[in-house]
PDB file of N, CA and C in Angstrom:
ATOM      1  N   SER A   1      -2.644 -61.871  26.372  1.00  0.00           N
ATOM      2  CA  SER A   1      -3.008 -60.382  25.679  1.00  0.00           C
ATOM      3  C   SER A   1      -3.684 -60.842  24.307  1.00  0.00           C
ATOM      4  N   THR A   2      -4.946 -59.746  23.693  1.00  0.00           N
ATOM      5  CA  THR A   2      -5.038 -59.944  22.448  1.00  0.00           C
ATOM      6  C   THR A   2      -4.193 -59.159  21.398  1.00  0.00           C
ATOM      7  N   GLY A   3      -4.442 -59.447  20.239  1.00  0.00           N
ATOM      8  CA  GLY A   3      -3.733 -58.713  19.261  1.00  0.00           C
ATOM      9  C   GLY A   3      -3.383 -59.670  18.022  1.00  0.00           C
ATOM     10  N   TRP A   4      -2.342 -58.864  17.256  1.00  0.00           N
ATOM     11  CA  TRP A   4      -2.210 -59.628  16.076  1.00  0.00           C
ATOM     12  C   TRP A   4      -0.610 -59.831  15.911  1.00  0.00           C
ATOM     13  N   CYS A   5       0.153 -60.717  15.603  1.00  0.00           N
ATOM     14  CA  CYS A   5       1.322 -60.812  15.315  1.00  0.00           C
ATOM     15  C   CYS A   5       1.749 -60.389  13.738  1.00  0.00           C
ATOM     16  N   VAL A   6       2.646 -59.550  13.749  1.00  0.00           N
ATOM     17  CA  VAL A   6       2.887 -59.206  12.175  1.00  0.00           C
ATOM     18  C   VAL A   6       4.357 -58.911  12.253  1.00  0.00           C
ATOM     19  N   SER A   7       4.926 -59.025  10.726  1.00  0.00           N
ATOM     20  CA  SER A   7       6.207 -59.009  10.604  1.00  0.00           C
ATOM     21  C   SER A   7       6.519 -57.639  10.539  1.00  0.00           C
ATOM     22  N   LYS A   8       7.792 -57.286  11.124  1.00  0.00           N
ATOM     23  CA  LYS A   8       8.417 -55.919  11.101  1.00  0.00           C
ATOM     24  C   LYS A   8       8.685 -55.691   9.620  1.00  0.00           C
ATOM     25  N   LYS A   9       8.623 -54.211   9.559  1.00  0.00           N
ATOM     26  CA  LYS A   9       8.989 -53.689   8.021  1.00  0.00           C
ATOM     27  C   LYS A   9      10.409 -53.740   7.601  1.00  0.00           C
ATOM     28  N   ASP A  10      11.233 -53.834   8.631  1.00  0.00           N
ATOM     29  CA  ASP A  10      12.587 -53.979   8.220  1.00  0.00           C
ATOM     30  C   ASP A  10      13.229 -55.462   7.967  1.00  0.00           C
ATOM     31  N   ALA A  11      12.293 -56.450   8.141  1.00  0.00           N
ATOM     32  CA  ALA A  11      12.694 -57.729   7.955  1.00  0.00           C
ATOM     33  C   ALA A  11      12.965 -58.154   6.771  1.00  0.00           C
ATOM     34  N   THR A  12      14.089 -58.984   6.504  1.00  0.00           N
ATOM     35  CA  THR A  12      14.511 -59.338   5.130  1.00  0.00           C
ATOM     36  C   THR A  12      13.574 -60.656   4.543  1.00  0.00           C
ATOM     37  N   ASP A  13      13.339 -60.703   3.268  1.00  0.00           N
ATOM     38  CA  ASP A  13      12.524 -61.780   2.927  1.00  0.00           C
ATOM     39  C   ASP A  13      13.468 -63.187   3.348  1.00  0.00           C
ATOM     40  N   GLU A  14      14.743 -63.386   3.516  1.00  0.00           N
ATOM     41  CA  GLU A  14      15.382 -64.393   4.100  1.00  0.00           C
ATOM     42  C   GLU A  14      14.984 -64.547   5.545  1.00  0.00           C
ATOM     43  N   GLN A  15      14.891 -63.580   6.329  1.00  0.00           N
ATOM     44  CA  GLN A  15      14.466 -63.786   7.547  1.00  0.00           C
ATOM     45  C   GLN A  15      12.947 -64.146   7.675  1.00  0.00           C
ATOM     46  N   LEU A  16      12.146 -63.717   6.784  1.00  0.00           N
ATOM     47  CA  LEU A  16      10.705 -63.960   6.868  1.00  0.00           C
ATOM     48  C   LEU A  16      10.580 -65.441   6.373  1.00  0.00           C
ATOM     49  N   GLN A  17      11.130 -66.023   5.346  1.00  0.00           N
ATOM     50  CA  GLN A  17      11.169 -67.094   4.862  1.00  0.00           C
ATOM     51  C   GLN A  17      11.485 -68.286   5.791  1.00  0.00           C
ATOM     52  N   SER A  18      12.505 -67.755   6.834  1.00  0.00           N
ATOM     53  CA  SER A  18      12.989 -68.689   7.878  1.00  0.00           C
ATOM     54  C   SER A  18      12.051 -68.965   8.904  1.00  0.00           C
ATOM     55  N   SER A  19      11.281 -67.593   9.151  1.00  0.00           N
ATOM     56  CA  SER A  19       9.993 -67.594  10.102  1.00  0.00           C
ATOM     57  C   SER A  19       8.877 -68.409   9.827  1.00  0.00           C
ATOM     58  N   ILE A  20       8.656 -68.549   8.236  1.00  0.00           N
ATOM     59  CA  ILE A  20       7.482 -69.207   7.593  1.00  0.00           C
ATOM     60  C   ILE A  20       7.925 -70.534   7.778  1.00  0.00           C
ATOM     61  N   ASP A  21       9.091 -71.112   7.371  1.00  0.00           N
ATOM     62  CA  ASP A  21       9.501 -72.402   7.565  1.00  0.00           C
ATOM     63  C   ASP A  21       9.378 -73.018   9.071  1.00  0.00           C
ATOM     64  N   TRP A  22       9.812 -72.150  10.008  1.00  0.00           N
ATOM     65  CA  TRP A  22       9.783 -72.511  11.465  1.00  0.00           C
ATOM     66  C   TRP A  22       8.254 -72.714  12.077  1.00  0.00           C
ATOM     67  N   ALA A  23       7.399 -71.613  11.657  1.00  0.00           N
ATOM     68  CA  ALA A  23       6.169 -71.673  12.027  1.00  0.00           C
ATOM     69  C   ALA A  23       5.323 -72.855  11.376  1.00  0.00           C
ATOM     70  N   CYS A  24       5.458 -73.210  10.090  1.00  0.00           N
ATOM     71  CA  CYS A  24       4.887 -74.199   9.662  1.00  0.00           C
ATOM     72  C   CYS A  24       5.418 -75.666  10.138  1.00  0.00           C
ATOM     73  N   GLY A  25       6.543 -75.686  10.829  1.00  0.00           N
ATOM     74  CA  GLY A  25       6.963 -76.795  11.267  1.00  0.00           C
ATOM     75  C   GLY A  25       6.441 -76.994  12.480  1.00  0.00           C
ATOM     76  N   GLN A  26       5.722 -76.101  13.200  1.00  0.00           N
ATOM     77  CA  GLN A  26       5.297 -76.470  14.707  1.00  0.00           C
ATOM     78  C   GLN A  26       3.679 -76.774  14.479  1.00  0.00           C
ATOM     79  N   GLY A  27       3.210 -77.305  13.720  1.00  0.00           N
ATOM     80  CA  GLY A  27       2.076 -77.845  13.725  1.00  0.00           C
ATOM     81  C   GLY A  27       0.868 -76.945  13.016  1.00  0.00           C
ATOM     82  N   ILE A  28       1.310 -75.785  12.757  1.00  0.00           N
ATOM     83  CA  ILE A  28       0.112 -74.957  12.177  1.00  0.00           C
ATOM     84  C   ILE A  28      -0.123 -75.400  10.846  1.00  0.00           C
ATOM     85  N   ASP A  29      -1.215 -75.269  10.364  1.00  0.00           N
ATOM     86  CA  ASP A  29      -1.737 -75.531   8.913  1.00  0.00           C
ATOM     87  C   ASP A  29      -1.423 -74.452   8.154  1.00  0.00           C
ATOM     88  N   CYS A  30      -0.469 -74.572   7.155  1.00  0.00           N
ATOM     89  CA  CYS A  30      -0.025 -73.700   6.355  1.00  0.00           C
ATOM     90  C   CYS A  30      -0.474 -73.764   4.862  1.00  0.00           C
ATOM     91  N   GLY A  31      -1.517 -74.625   4.644  1.00  0.00           N
ATOM     92  CA  GLY A  31      -1.828 -75.094   3.255  1.00  0.00           C
ATOM     93  C   GLY A  31      -2.380 -73.882   2.690  1.00  0.00           C
ATOM     94  N   ALA A  32      -3.168 -73.131   3.334  1.00  0.00           N
ATOM     95  CA  ALA A  32      -3.668 -71.683   2.688  1.00  0.00           C
ATOM     96  C   ALA A  32      -2.582 -70.971   2.033  1.00  0.00           C
ATOM     97  N   ILE A  33      -1.271 -71.286   2.363  1.00  0.00           N
ATOM     98  CA  ILE A  33      -0.380 -70.253   1.664  1.00  0.00           C
ATOM     99  C   ILE A  33       0.471 -71.178   0.631  1.00  0.00           C
ATOM    100  N   GLN A  34      -0.034 -72.290   0.484  1.00  0.00           N
ATOM    101  CA  GLN A  34       0.697 -73.184  -0.598  1.00  0.00           C
ATOM    102  C   GLN A  34      -0.021 -72.861  -1.851  1.00  0.00           C
ATOM    103  N   PRO A  35       0.676 -73.231  -3.059  1.00  0.00           N
ATOM    104  CA  PRO A  35      -0.012 -72.879  -4.168  1.00  0.00           C
ATOM    105  C   PRO A  35      -1.282 -73.386  -4.633  1.00  0.00           C
ATOM    106  N   GLY A  36      -2.247 -72.483  -4.882  1.00  0.00           N
ATOM    107  CA  GLY A  36      -3.709 -73.109  -4.925  1.00  0.00           C
ATOM    108  C   GLY A  36      -4.545 -73.029  -3.635  1.00  0.00           C
ATOM    109  N   GLY A  37      -3.901 -72.310  -2.500  1.00  0.00           N
ATOM    110  CA  GLY A  37      -4.443 -72.355  -1.226  1.00  0.00           C
ATOM    111  C   GLY A  37      -5.148 -71.049  -1.457  1.00  0.00           C
ATOM    112  N   ALA A  38      -5.964 -70.939  -0.380  1.00  0.00           N
ATOM    113  CA  ALA A  38      -6.963 -69.612  -0.149  1.00  0.00           C
ATOM    114  C   ALA A  38      -6.235 -68.438   0.071  1.00  0.00           C
ATOM    115  N   CYS A  39      -5.028 -68.500   0.827  1.00  0.00           N
ATOM    116  CA  CYS A  39      -4.274 -67.186   0.909  1.00  0.00           C
ATOM    117  C   CYS A  39      -2.968 -67.154   0.268  1.00  0.00           C
ATOM    118  N   PHE A  40      -2.787 -67.992  -0.854  1.00  0.00           N
ATOM    119  CA  PHE A  40      -1.512 -67.883  -1.603  1.00  0.00           C
ATOM    120  C   PHE A  40      -1.340 -66.629  -2.134  1.00  0.00           C
ATOM    121  N   GLU A  41      -2.233 -66.097  -2.680  1.00  0.00           N
ATOM    122  CA  GLU A  41      -2.215 -64.587  -3.275  1.00  0.00           C
ATOM    123  C   GLU A  41      -2.402 -63.654  -2.276  1.00  0.00           C
ATOM    124  N   PRO A  42      -1.819 -62.663  -2.021  1.00  0.00           N
ATOM    125  CA  PRO A  42      -0.654 -62.324  -2.882  1.00  0.00           C
ATOM    126  C   PRO A  42       0.508 -63.283  -2.748  1.00  0.00           C
ATOM    127  N   ASN A  43       1.307 -63.475  -3.667  1.00  0.00           N
ATOM    128  CA  ASN A  43       2.387 -64.469  -3.613  1.00  0.00           C
ATOM    129  C   ASN A  43       3.682 -63.719  -3.599  1.00  0.00           C
ATOM    130  N   ASN A  44       3.849 -63.491  -1.977  1.00  0.00           N
ATOM    131  CA  ASN A  44       5.124 -62.866  -1.643  1.00  0.00           C
ATOM    132  C   ASN A  44       5.480 -63.286  -0.328  1.00  0.00           C
ATOM    133  N   VAL A  45       6.632 -63.191   0.103  1.00  0.00           N
ATOM    134  CA  VAL A  45       7.163 -63.771   1.238  1.00  0.00           C
ATOM    135  C   VAL A  45       6.508 -63.083   2.358  1.00  0.00           C
ATOM    136  N   ALA A  46       6.426 -61.690   2.466  1.00  0.00           N
ATOM    137  CA  ALA A  46       5.902 -60.770   3.426  1.00  0.00           C
ATOM    138  C   ALA A  46       4.481 -61.190   3.853  1.00  0.00           C
ATOM    139  N   SER A  47       3.620 -61.468   2.772  1.00  0.00           N
ATOM    140  CA  SER A  47       2.485 -61.892   2.960  1.00  0.00           C
ATOM    141  C   SER A  47       2.128 -63.247   3.680  1.00  0.00           C
ATOM    142  N   HIS A  48       2.951 -63.927   3.085  1.00  0.00           N
ATOM    143  CA  HIS A  48       2.797 -65.450   3.489  1.00  0.00           C
ATOM    144  C   HIS A  48       3.487 -65.630   4.986  1.00  0.00           C
ATOM    145  N   ALA A  49       4.306 -64.693   5.451  1.00  0.00           N
ATOM    146  CA  ALA A  49       5.053 -64.709   6.863  1.00  0.00           C
ATOM    147  C   ALA A  49       4.232 -64.065   7.716  1.00  0.00           C
ATOM    148  N   ALA A  50       3.190 -62.939   7.166  1.00  0.00           N
ATOM    149  CA  ALA A  50       2.171 -62.563   8.003  1.00  0.00           C
ATOM    150  C   ALA A  50       1.142 -63.719   8.377  1.00  0.00           C
ATOM    151  N   PHE A  51       0.900 -64.412   7.603  1.00  0.00           N
ATOM    152  CA  PHE A  51      -0.280 -65.446   7.938  1.00  0.00           C
ATOM    153  C   PHE A  51       0.444 -66.693   8.696  1.00  0.00           C
ATOM    154  N   ALA A  52       1.721 -66.885   8.259  1.00  0.00           N
ATOM    155  CA  ALA A  52       2.126 -67.948   9.295  1.00  0.00           C
ATOM    156  C   ALA A  52       2.599 -67.523  10.672  1.00  0.00           C
ATOM    157  N   MET A  53       3.042 -66.412  10.867  1.00  0.00           N
ATOM    158  CA  MET A  53       3.395 -65.657  12.280  1.00  0.00           C
ATOM    159  C   MET A  53       2.330 -65.649  13.066  1.00  0.00           C
ATOM    160  N   ASN A  54       1.006 -64.915  12.336  1.00  0.00           N
ATOM    161  CA  ASN A  54       0.109 -64.672  13.112  1.00  0.00           C
ATOM    162  C   ASN A  54      -0.871 -66.109  13.174  1.00  0.00           C
ATOM    163  N   MET A  55      -0.961 -67.018  12.507  1.00  0.00           N
ATOM    164  CA  MET A  55      -1.653 -68.221  12.844  1.00  0.00           C
ATOM    165  C   MET A  55      -0.908 -68.859  14.071  1.00  0.00           C
ATOM    166  N   TYR A  56       0.689 -69.074  14.132  1.00  0.00           N
ATOM    167  CA  TYR A  56       1.284 -69.490  15.298  1.00  0.00           C
ATOM    168  C   TYR A  56       0.710 -69.012  16.513  1.00  0.00           C
ATOM    169  N   TYR A  57       0.786 -67.506  16.457  1.00  0.00           N
ATOM    170  CA  TYR A  57       0.774 -66.605  17.658  1.00  0.00           C
ATOM    171  C   TYR A  57      -0.839 -66.996  18.226  1.00  0.00           C
ATOM    172  N   GLN A  58      -1.857 -66.960  17.109  1.00  0.00           N
ATOM    173  CA  GLN A  58      -3.149 -67.286  17.691  1.00  0.00           C
ATOM    174  C   GLN A  58      -3.385 -68.531  18.248  1.00  0.00           C
ATOM    175  N   LYS A  59      -2.754 -69.575  18.186  1.00  0.00           N
ATOM    176  CA  LYS A  59      -2.816 -70.633  18.513  1.00  0.00           C
ATOM    177  C   LYS A  59      -1.987 -71.115  19.862  1.00  0.00           C
ATOM    178  N   SER A  60      -0.956 -70.043  20.118  1.00  0.00           N
ATOM    179  CA  SER A  60      -0.222 -70.204  21.055  1.00  0.00           C
ATOM    180  C   SER A  60      -0.904 -69.578  22.321  1.00  0.00           C
ATOM    181  N   PRO A  61      -0.051 -69.775  23.594  1.00  0.00           N
ATOM    182  CA  PRO A  61      -0.496 -69.052  24.654  1.00  0.00           C
ATOM    183  C   PRO A  61      -0.593 -67.312  24.618  1.00  0.00           C
ATOM    184  N   LYS A  62      -0.144 -66.827  23.468  1.00  0.00           N
ATOM    185  CA  LYS A  62      -0.001 -65.385  23.258  1.00  0.00           C
ATOM    186  C   LYS A  62       0.855 -64.606  24.192  1.00  0.00           C
ATOM    187  N   ARG A  63       1.983 -65.374  24.543  1.00  0.00           N
ATOM    188  CA  ARG A  63       3.005 -64.315  25.361  1.00  0.00           C
ATOM    189  C   ARG A  63       3.671 -63.511  24.211  1.00  0.00           C
ATOM    190  N   PRO A  64       4.433 -62.459  24.702  1.00  0.00           N
ATOM    191  CA  PRO A  64       5.181 -61.611  23.741  1.00  0.00           C
ATOM    192  C   PRO A  64       6.144 -62.726  23.066  1.00  0.00           C
ATOM    193  N   THR A  65       6.817 -63.608  23.756  1.00  0.00           N
ATOM    194  CA  THR A  65       7.682 -64.665  23.060  1.00  0.00           C
ATOM    195  C   THR A  65       7.282 -65.190  22.202  1.00  0.00           C
ATOM    196  N   ASP A  66       5.917 -65.323  21.910  1.00  0.00           N
ATOM    197  CA  ASP A  66       5.254 -66.215  20.794  1.00  0.00           C
ATOM    198  C   ASP A  66       5.177 -65.401  19.723  1.00  0.00           C
ATOM    199  N   CYS A  67       5.639 -64.163  19.698  1.00  0.00           N
ATOM    200  CA  CYS A  67       5.536 -63.102  18.615  1.00  0.00           C
ATOM    201  C   CYS A  67       6.958 -62.475  18.418  1.00  0.00           C
ATOM    202  N   ASP A  68       7.965 -63.308  18.326  1.00  0.00           N
ATOM    203  CA  ASP A  68       9.401 -62.715  18.374  1.00  0.00           C
ATOM    204  C   ASP A  68       9.811 -63.127  16.929  1.00  0.00           C
ATOM    205  N   PHE A  69       9.992 -64.465  16.709  1.00  0.00           N
ATOM    206  CA  PHE A  69      10.630 -64.766  15.215  1.00  0.00           C
ATOM    207  C   PHE A  69      11.787 -64.411  15.229  1.00  0.00           C
ATOM    208  N   SER A  70      12.871 -64.709  15.898  1.00  0.00           N
ATOM    209  CA  SER A  70      14.097 -64.065  15.916  1.00  0.00           C
ATOM    210  C   SER A  70      14.055 -62.532  15.822  1.00  0.00           C
ATOM    211  N   GLN A  71      13.367 -61.745  16.187  1.00  0.00           N
ATOM    212  CA  GLN A  71      13.054 -60.243  16.231  1.00  0.00           C
ATOM    213  C   GLN A  71      12.693 -59.611  14.847  1.00  0.00           C
ATOM    214  N   THR A  72      11.826 -60.543  14.209  1.00  0.00           N
ATOM    215  CA  THR A  72      11.274 -60.126  12.900  1.00  0.00           C
ATOM    216  C   THR A  72       9.959 -59.763  12.850  1.00  0.00           C
ATOM    217  N   ALA A  73       9.432 -60.170  14.086  1.00  0.00           N
ATOM    218  CA  ALA A  73       7.686 -59.774  14.307  1.00  0.00           C
ATOM    219  C   ALA A  73       7.566 -59.112  15.414  1.00  0.00           C
ATOM    220  N   THR A  74       6.356 -58.361  15.399  1.00  0.00           N
ATOM    221  CA  THR A  74       6.012 -57.570  16.665  1.00  0.00           C
ATOM    222  C   THR A  74       4.420 -57.832  16.660  1.00  0.00           C
ATOM    223  N   ILE A  75       4.005 -57.584  18.115  1.00  0.00           N
ATOM    224  CA  ILE A  75       2.348 -57.465  18.246  1.00  0.00           C
ATOM    225  C   ILE A  75       1.902 -56.245  18.034  1.00  0.00           C
ATOM    226  N   THR A  76       0.692 -56.306  17.420  1.00  0.00           N
ATOM    227  CA  THR A  76       0.041 -54.854  17.066  1.00  0.00           C
ATOM    228  C   THR A  76      -1.597 -55.155  17.626  1.00  0.00           C
ATOM    229  N   SER A  77      -2.151 -54.021  18.274  1.00  0.00           N
ATOM    230  CA  SER A  77      -3.411 -54.136  18.778  1.00  0.00           C
ATOM    231  C   SER A  77      -4.222 -53.834  17.683  1.00  0.00           C
ATOM    232  N   GLN A  78      -3.798 -53.058  16.614  1.00  0.00           N
ATOM    233  CA  GLN A  78      -4.541 -52.525  15.441  1.00  0.00           C
ATOM    234  C   GLN A  78      -4.748 -53.880  14.521  1.00  0.00           C
ATOM    235  N   ASN A  79      -5.965 -53.974  14.337  1.00  0.00           N
ATOM    236  CA  ASN A  79      -6.395 -54.964  13.247  1.00  0.00           C
ATOM    237  C   ASN A  79      -5.646 -54.888  11.832  1.00  0.00           C
ATOM    238  N   PRO A  80      -4.730 -55.762  11.623  1.00  0.00           N
ATOM    239  CA  PRO A  80      -3.847 -55.466  10.152  1.00  0.00           C
ATOM    240  C   PRO A  80      -4.697 -55.421   9.033  1.00  0.00           C
ATOM    241  N   SER A  81      -5.728 -56.044   9.178  1.00  0.00           N
ATOM    242  CA  SER A  81      -6.695 -55.750   7.929  1.00  0.00           C
ATOM    243  C   SER A  81      -7.081 -54.506   7.559  1.00  0.00           C
ATOM    244  N   MET A  82      -7.059 -53.625   8.682  1.00  0.00           N
ATOM    245  CA  MET A  82      -7.339 -52.255   8.393  1.00  0.00           C
ATOM    246  C   MET A  82      -6.221 -51.437   7.912  1.00  0.00           C
ATOM    247  N   PHE A  83      -5.047 -52.139   7.580  1.00  0.00           N
ATOM    248  CA  PHE A  83      -4.114 -51.070   7.012  1.00  0.00           C
ATOM    249  C   PHE A  83      -3.130 -52.274   6.354  1.00  0.00           C
ATOM    250  N   SER A  84      -2.172 -51.710   5.853  1.00  0.00           N
ATOM    251  CA  SER A  84      -1.251 -52.365   4.744  1.00  0.00           C
ATOM    252  C   SER A  84       0.225 -52.419   5.522  1.00  0.00           C
ATOM    253  N   LEU A  85       0.971 -53.154   5.566  1.00  0.00           N
ATOM    254  CA  LEU A  85       2.570 -53.119   5.814  1.00  0.00           C
ATOM    255  C   LEU A  85       3.167 -52.481   4.437  1.00  0.00           C
ATOM    256  N   LYS A  86       2.890 -53.129   3.464  1.00  0.00           N
ATOM    257  CA  LYS A  86       3.442 -52.385   2.067  1.00  0.00           C
ATOM    258  C   LYS A  86       2.151 -52.543   1.186  1.00  0.00           C
ATOM    259  N   PRO A  87       2.447 -51.326   0.318  1.00  0.00           N
ATOM    260  CA  PRO A  87       1.365 -51.109  -0.608  1.00  0.00           C
ATOM    261  C   PRO A  87       0.710 -52.242  -1.341  1.00  0.00           C
ATOM    262  N   GLN A  88       1.756 -53.221  -1.720  1.00  0.00           N
ATOM    263  CA  GLN A  88       1.115 -54.530  -2.365  1.00  0.00           C
ATOM    264  C   GLN A  88       0.785 -55.576  -1.552  1.00  0.00           C
ATOM    265  N   GLN A  89       0.698 -55.491  -0.238  1.00  0.00           N
ATOM    266  CA  GLN A  89       0.303 -56.679   0.680  1.00  0.00           C
ATOM    267  C   GLN A  89      -1.212 -56.264   1.125  1.00  0.00           C
ATOM    268  N   SER A  90      -1.850 -57.645   0.992  1.00  0.00           N
ATOM    269  CA  SER A  90      -3.055 -57.641   1.513  1.00  0.00           C
ATOM    270  C   SER A  90      -3.282 -58.572   2.658  1.00  0.00           C
ATOM    271  N   HIS A  91      -3.778 -58.121   3.655  1.00  0.00           N
ATOM    272  CA  HIS A  91      -4.044 -59.002   4.731  1.00  0.00           C
ATOM    273  C   HIS A  91      -5.447 -59.382   4.953  1.00  0.00           C
ATOM    274  N   GLU A  92      -6.274 -59.000   3.923  1.00  0.00           N
ATOM    275  CA  GLU A  92      -7.646 -59.330   3.985  1.00  0.00           C
ATOM    276  C   GLU A  92      -7.871 -60.826   4.342  1.00  0.00           C
ATOM    277  N   CYS A  93      -7.326 -61.791   3.282  1.00  0.00           N
ATOM    278  CA  CYS A  93      -7.332 -63.101   3.241  1.00  0.00           C
ATOM    279  C   CYS A  93      -7.181 -63.477   4.809  1.00  0.00           C
ATOM    280  N   LEU A  94      -5.666 -63.375   5.027  1.00  0.00           N
ATOM    281  CA  LEU A  94      -5.305 -63.627   6.519  1.00  0.00           C
ATOM    282  C   LEU A  94      -6.279 -63.523   7.434  1.00  0.00           C
ATOM    283  N   PHE A  95      -6.769 -62.336   7.698  1.00  0.00           N
ATOM    284  CA  PHE A  95      -7.593 -61.944   8.854  1.00  0.00           C
ATOM    285  C   PHE A  95      -8.984 -62.427   8.856  1.00  0.00           C
ATOM    286  N   LYS A  96      -9.678 -62.671   7.553  1.00  0.00           N
ATOM    287  CA  LYS A  96     -10.921 -63.179   7.417  1.00  0.00           C
ATOM    288  C   LYS A  96     -10.969 -64.599   7.959  1.00  0.00           C
ATOM    289  N   TYR A  97      -9.815 -65.474   7.529  1.00  0.00           N
ATOM    290  CA  TYR A  97      -9.442 -66.468   7.870  1.00  0.00           C
ATOM    291  C   TYR A  97      -9.294 -67.055   9.258  1.00  0.00           C
ATOM    292  N   LEU A  98      -8.550 -66.133   9.920  1.00  0.00           N
ATOM    293  CA  LEU A  98      -8.363 -66.107  11.309  1.00  0.00           C
ATOM    294  C   LEU A  98      -9.576 -66.034  12.117  1.00  0.00           C
ATOM    295  N   LEU A  99     -10.212 -65.017  11.860  1.00  0.00           N
ATOM    296  CA  LEU A  99     -11.565 -64.616  12.482  1.00  0.00           C
ATOM    297  C   LEU A  99     -12.468 -65.818  12.400  1.00  0.00           C
ATOM    298  N   HIS A 100     -12.529 -66.529  11.209  1.00  0.00           N
ATOM    299  CA  HIS A 100     -13.302 -67.603  10.888  1.00  0.00           C
ATOM    300  C   HIS A 100     -12.956 -68.766  12.000  1.00  0.00           C
ATOM    301  N   LEU A 101     -11.630 -68.854  12.027  1.00  0.00           N
ATOM    302  CA  LEU A 101     -11.126 -70.048  13.020  1.00  0.00           C
ATOM    303  C   LEU A 101     -11.620 -69.820  14.396  1.00  0.00           C
ATOM    304  N   ALA A 102     -11.395 -68.365  14.908  1.00  0.00           N
ATOM    305  CA  ALA A 102     -11.899 -68.009  15.987  1.00  0.00           C
ATOM    306  C   ALA A 102     -13.359 -67.883  16.572  1.00  0.00           C
ATOM    307  N   MET A 103     -14.244 -68.098  15.543  1.00  0.00           N
ATOM    308  CA  MET A 103     -15.398 -68.330  15.994  1.00  0.00           C
ATOM    309  C   MET A 103     -15.909 -69.507  16.355  1.00  0.00           C
TER     310      MET A 103
END
């Protein structure tokens, strides 16, 4: 199925950080969310988690279980670059980057 993997609004920063650590340990390139990386800003756990979760999901077979992250994430059919989960959160960097990879 197509779609995007996004963090759930009620996920805590601790849960999201754990998901980042796990996803980045699975062989995806998390350099973009490291200091100085193209997607480091906005520098918050939610944005970095959105990047890591979706990067893992896009490179996976895209089963529902590939976007679970201990029930802190969900699949959406709506392009997250069109909306923001939290007012300060920008997914623009993330999805420009992913669309570039997909082409």
